[in-house]
Every structure is written in C-alpha cells, then in structure tokens.
Protein backbone atom coordinates (compact mmCIF):
# COMPACT_ATOMS: atom_id res chain seq x y z
CA MET A 1 40.41 77.54 150.50
CA ALA A 2 41.25 81.30 151.91
CA SER A 3 43.67 82.98 149.68
CA ALA A 4 46.87 84.27 151.08
CA SER A 5 46.68 87.71 152.62
CA GLN A 6 48.65 90.48 150.59
CA PRO A 7 51.35 92.57 152.37
CA SER A 8 49.73 96.04 153.61
CA GLU A 9 52.76 97.81 152.38
CA PRO A 10 55.55 97.29 149.75
CA TYR A 11 58.73 95.49 150.71
CA ALA A 12 60.95 98.39 150.09
CA GLN A 13 58.61 100.71 152.58
CA SER A 14 58.89 98.01 155.09
CA LEU A 15 62.55 98.30 155.02
CA LEU A 16 62.54 101.82 155.62
CA HIS A 17 60.21 101.56 158.39
CA LEU A 18 62.79 99.22 160.00
CA ALA A 19 65.73 101.89 159.31
CA HIS A 20 63.42 104.39 160.74
CA PRO A 21 61.62 102.81 163.67
CA ASP A 22 60.98 105.79 165.57
CA ASP A 23 59.85 108.02 162.88
CA PRO A 24 57.33 106.10 160.48
CA ASP A 25 56.32 109.33 158.98
CA GLU A 26 59.94 109.95 157.60
CA ALA A 27 60.16 106.30 156.46
CA THR A 28 56.85 106.83 154.25
CA ARG A 29 58.01 110.02 153.14
CA ILE A 30 61.59 109.02 151.81
CA PHE A 31 59.43 105.95 149.91
CA LYS A 32 57.02 108.16 148.29
CA GLU A 33 59.78 110.66 147.08
CA LYS A 34 62.59 108.71 146.30
CA VAL A 35 61.42 105.14 145.71
CA GLN A 36 57.94 104.80 144.63
CA HIS A 37 57.82 106.47 141.40
CA ARG A 38 61.59 106.25 140.52
CA PRO A 39 62.16 104.61 137.03
CA ILE A 40 64.79 101.61 137.13
CA ASP A 41 67.47 101.34 134.49
CA PHE A 42 67.74 97.79 133.73
CA ARG A 43 70.47 98.20 131.07
CA GLN A 44 72.50 100.09 133.80
CA LEU A 45 72.13 97.10 136.07
CA ALA A 46 72.85 94.50 133.52
CA ALA A 47 76.29 96.55 132.74
CA SER A 48 77.33 96.71 136.15
CA GLN A 49 77.25 93.17 136.53
CA PRO A 50 80.70 91.55 135.45
CA PRO A 51 80.49 88.88 132.83
CA LYS A 52 80.83 85.31 134.10
CA ASP A 53 83.92 84.41 131.72
CA ALA A 54 85.87 85.23 128.75
CA ARG A 55 83.36 83.80 126.34
CA THR A 56 80.45 85.91 127.33
CA ARG A 57 82.66 88.96 127.44
CA ARG A 58 83.42 88.20 123.62
CA ARG A 59 79.88 87.34 122.80
CA GLU A 60 78.75 90.69 124.35
CA LEU A 61 81.39 92.56 122.38
CA ARG A 62 80.18 91.12 119.18
CA LEU A 63 76.74 91.97 119.92
CA LYS A 64 77.70 95.60 120.77
CA LYS A 65 79.67 95.94 117.45
CA LYS A 66 76.64 94.65 115.54
CA LEU A 67 74.33 96.88 117.19
CA ARG A 68 76.51 100.02 116.30
CA LYS A 69 77.12 98.95 112.85
CA ASN A 70 73.37 98.67 112.13
CA SER A 71 72.55 101.77 113.93
CA SER A 72 75.22 103.93 112.28
CA LYS A 73 74.45 106.22 109.35
CA PRO A 74 75.42 104.88 105.85
CA SER A 75 78.64 106.79 104.65
CA THR A 76 78.26 109.54 102.34
CA LYS A 77 82.09 109.00 101.02
CA PRO A 78 81.70 107.78 97.41
CA ARG A 79 83.30 104.39 96.77
CA PRO A 80 86.43 104.28 94.62
CA LEU A 81 86.26 103.19 90.95
CA SER A 82 87.66 99.68 90.11
CA ALA A 83 90.24 99.31 87.30
CA ARG A 84 87.55 97.80 85.15
CA GLU A 85 85.26 100.92 85.70
CA LYS A 86 88.08 103.24 85.11
CA ARG A 87 88.86 101.53 81.44
CA SER A 88 85.05 101.48 80.87
CA LEU A 89 84.83 105.16 81.53
CA GLN A 90 87.90 106.03 79.63
CA VAL A 91 89.46 107.92 82.45
CA TYR A 92 93.09 107.68 81.39
CA ASP A 93 92.18 108.07 77.75
CA VAL A 94 93.32 111.56 75.92
CA PRO A 95 89.89 113.03 74.66
CA LYS A 96 89.70 113.65 71.00
CA GLU A 97 89.81 117.42 71.46
CA ALA A 98 93.06 117.23 73.24
CA GLN A 99 94.78 115.38 70.66
CA LYS A 100 96.43 118.17 69.06
CA TYR A 101 100.11 118.88 69.01
CA ALA A 102 99.63 122.66 69.39
CA VAL A 103 97.65 122.32 72.83
CA TYR A 104 100.98 120.83 74.35
CA GLU A 105 103.60 123.16 72.69
CA PRO A 106 103.36 125.58 75.88
CA LEU A 107 103.85 122.82 78.12
CA LYS A 108 106.97 122.10 76.23
CA ASP A 109 108.39 125.37 76.84
CA LEU A 110 107.58 125.01 80.47
CA TRP A 111 109.34 121.77 80.51
CA LEU A 112 112.51 123.45 79.15
CA GLY A 113 112.72 126.00 81.63
CA TYR A 114 112.08 123.36 84.44
CA ILE A 115 114.93 121.09 83.14
CA GLN A 116 117.54 123.82 82.64
CA GLU A 117 116.67 124.90 86.24
CA ILE A 118 117.37 121.35 87.89
CA LEU A 119 120.29 120.93 85.43
CA ARG A 120 122.09 124.10 85.91
CA GLY A 121 125.68 123.64 87.06
CA SER A 122 125.65 119.82 86.40
CA PHE A 123 127.48 119.98 83.15
CA GLY A 124 131.41 120.29 83.01
CA ALA A 125 133.27 122.89 80.92
CA ASN A 126 133.26 120.49 77.74
CA GLY A 127 129.70 119.81 78.12
CA THR A 128 130.04 116.30 79.73
CA ALA A 129 127.63 115.00 82.17
CA GLY A 130 128.68 113.11 85.44
CA GLN A 131 126.83 110.82 87.90
CA ALA A 132 125.01 113.70 89.42
CA THR A 133 123.63 114.76 86.19
CA ALA A 134 122.08 111.30 85.67
CA ALA A 135 120.63 111.08 88.88
CA LYS A 136 118.80 114.51 88.43
CA LEU A 137 117.57 113.21 85.11
CA CYS A 138 116.53 109.81 86.29
CA ALA A 139 114.35 111.74 89.26
CA ALA A 140 112.90 114.44 86.83
CA ASP A 141 109.37 114.65 85.37
CA PHE A 142 109.24 114.19 81.54
CA HIS A 143 105.58 115.63 80.88
CA GLY A 144 106.21 117.93 78.16
CA CYS A 145 109.60 116.58 76.99
CA GLU A 146 109.99 116.43 73.23
CA VAL A 147 111.61 112.95 72.73
CA GLU A 148 112.38 110.59 69.83
CA VAL A 149 112.64 106.82 69.80
CA VAL A 150 115.96 106.08 68.18
CA ARG A 151 116.08 102.31 69.32
CA ASN A 152 113.49 99.71 69.79
CA ARG A 153 112.81 96.14 69.36
CA CYS A 154 109.82 96.97 67.18
CA PRO A 155 111.36 98.84 64.07
CA SER A 156 107.74 100.36 63.34
CA ARG A 157 108.52 102.68 66.70
CA VAL A 158 111.81 103.87 65.74
CA GLY A 159 111.61 107.46 64.55
CA ILE A 160 108.43 108.44 66.56
CA LYS A 161 109.20 112.04 67.90
CA GLY A 162 106.72 114.23 69.79
CA ILE A 163 105.67 115.72 73.17
CA VAL A 164 105.24 113.33 76.16
CA ILE A 165 101.79 114.02 77.23
CA LYS A 166 101.64 110.96 79.82
CA ASP A 167 104.42 109.47 81.78
CA THR A 168 103.12 106.11 83.06
CA LYS A 169 105.14 103.51 84.63
CA MET A 170 105.45 101.35 81.58
CA THR A 171 104.74 103.74 78.78
CA PHE A 172 105.58 107.09 77.22
CA VAL A 173 102.22 108.62 75.62
CA ILE A 174 103.59 110.88 72.91
CA ILE A 175 101.54 113.06 70.63
CA THR A 176 103.38 113.84 67.30
CA LYS A 177 103.32 117.02 65.16
CA ASN A 178 100.54 114.98 62.83
CA ASP A 179 98.16 114.85 66.04
CA GLN A 180 98.76 111.29 66.28
CA VAL A 181 98.76 109.61 69.97
CA LYS A 182 101.35 106.87 70.40
CA HIS A 183 101.96 104.64 73.13
CA VAL A 184 105.60 103.61 73.36
CA PRO A 185 106.83 101.19 75.96
CA LYS A 186 109.70 102.16 78.02
CA GLU A 187 111.15 98.57 78.09
CA TYR A 188 113.94 97.99 75.45
CA SER A 189 113.46 101.40 74.07
CA VAL A 190 115.94 104.35 73.84
CA PHE A 191 114.66 107.93 73.78
CA ARG A 192 116.62 110.89 72.73
CA PHE A 193 115.72 114.50 73.49
CA GLU A 194 117.61 117.68 73.55
CA ILE A 195 117.91 120.69 75.88
CA PRO A 196 118.70 124.23 74.49
CA TRP A 197 121.52 125.39 76.59
CA PRO A 198 122.03 129.06 76.88
CA GLU A 199 125.41 130.89 76.05
CA THR A 200 128.14 131.11 78.46
CA THR A 201 131.52 133.14 78.68
CA THR A 202 133.23 130.17 78.17
CA GLN A 203 131.01 128.36 75.58
CA PRO A 204 128.50 129.26 72.92
CA ALA A 205 124.81 128.37 73.04
CA LYS A 206 124.26 124.83 71.62
CA PRO A 207 121.86 122.06 72.28
CA ILE A 208 122.51 119.32 74.73
CA VAL A 209 121.73 115.81 73.29
CA LEU A 210 120.85 113.19 75.94
CA GLU A 211 119.58 109.49 75.52
CA LEU A 212 117.13 107.93 78.09
CA HIS A 213 117.24 104.16 78.46
CA GLY A 214 113.66 103.15 78.84
CA SER A 215 114.37 99.65 80.38
CA ASN A 216 116.04 101.27 83.53
CA PHE A 217 113.31 103.88 83.66
CA ILE A 218 110.27 101.89 84.46
CA PHE A 219 108.87 103.85 87.31
CA ARG A 220 106.25 106.30 87.87
CA ALA A 221 106.85 109.74 87.80
CA ALA A 222 105.96 110.47 91.49
CA GLU A 223 107.98 107.51 92.56
CA ARG A 224 111.07 108.71 90.73
CA MET A 225 111.52 111.91 92.96
CA ASN A 226 112.85 110.06 95.98
CA LYS A 227 114.36 106.95 94.45
CA LYS A 228 118.02 106.57 94.31
CA PHE A 229 119.11 105.16 90.96
CA LYS A 230 122.24 102.84 90.62
CA ALA A 231 124.28 102.47 87.72
CA LYS A 232 123.98 99.03 86.30
CA SER A 233 124.69 96.99 83.05
CA MET A 234 122.45 97.45 80.11
CA ASP A 235 123.43 94.24 78.09
CA ASP A 236 119.78 93.32 77.54
CA LEU A 237 118.75 96.42 75.96
CA LEU A 238 118.18 94.87 72.44
C-alpha cells in the first residue's frame, strides 16, 4: 500500500503563497525571515485565552500563588520570640550586676526634675492639688520614682521602699537600699512618694507628699500617655 504523499511545503508557507499569488519569492522570503525560525511562547498563548468559568479562574489563581510562594526567597527577618522563650532567656529579669541601689540614684534625680517640670503650676497657693494635677500624675512615667508601700492586703509588703526600676502593667519592680529587688503588685496597694518642691515667694521649700492607688493604675507606662482617667470610687481598695 502506497504511503500518503507528504506536502511539498509547510502549511504556513502555502498560506503566504495564497496571500502573495503574484510574487512567490516575497512569500518565501517572509516565511524564512519571520515564520520559519521564530519561537512560539506557549505560556503567552495560554494566558491570552480566557478561562472557561469562575472555578477555572480560582484554580489558576491558587496555582500562581503556590508557584510564587515556592519560588520566593526565604525571609531574612528573624522570627519574634514567644512568651515562653522570653521567660527561658530571662529577657525581662534584672541582671545580678544591675541589682544595686546606687546604680539607679542618678535615674531618681532625673525623675524628680521630670515630675517637677510636668507639675509646674498645678498646685494651688496652699499646696493643694486639683483634678488637673491628678490627671498629669496618672499619665506620668514612674521609672526612677522612689516610692513606699503604705497599704497592701499582704502585711509583709507594707514598708517596702525603694526606686521603681520597672513599671509594668500589673506591678512595680522596686530596688531597695539593701540592694533587694521587690515585685509589688499594683492591685490593692497604695504607694506614697515625695516631690521636693522649690521655694517660692509665697511659700518656703518643702516636699509635697502624694499617694498613688495602684488598683486604678493598672496600665502600662506607654498606654497611660494618651489615656483619659476619670474619678471613680475606691471602696474595694482593701
């Protein structure tokens, strides 16, 4: 059985001859220069065809995301530590060499200048404090303040006095003059502190004694800056 005869020229060249019947050489030239050795991008052809339905589009989108995820470089940004890892690494613990009262005395002096600056003009002629003074104190930072626990549900905590080295949401971390670090919960505690006030023309220099009720002060130092405090009952203090 005789085999079928093969076409004498490619199909594309035959179409060019039909387009240029009067100039076969021109059709041959176009085929050799622009068609014969030209690569075909099948991806571009596939992308130019619209998907058949919404399901196909969703599937193609998932495949593209998967390819981009697999081909992307791994992130060089370190992963944040978890709470358990922070505790195991003792990130928030005060190191032994820093557990000395003398280390934080300069911080105390800085805090006194800071609190005098923000409370300037807040006290009356007789040394009384109003609502504006209370609002400024509530929003102040107490790192470096020397406080004394005057009331607490746990009697063993009453009398603790020292410089605040950490002001967390729930506790004051205090270092005493005996170089002991004490964690005092703010809840159900009253802290007393003094502010040396400079002498004025109407009043001699004397310290201003203030008390801070920790149960209404359970906020982080950064969160207190823009918080508006309202006066409320403190019947559940003790």
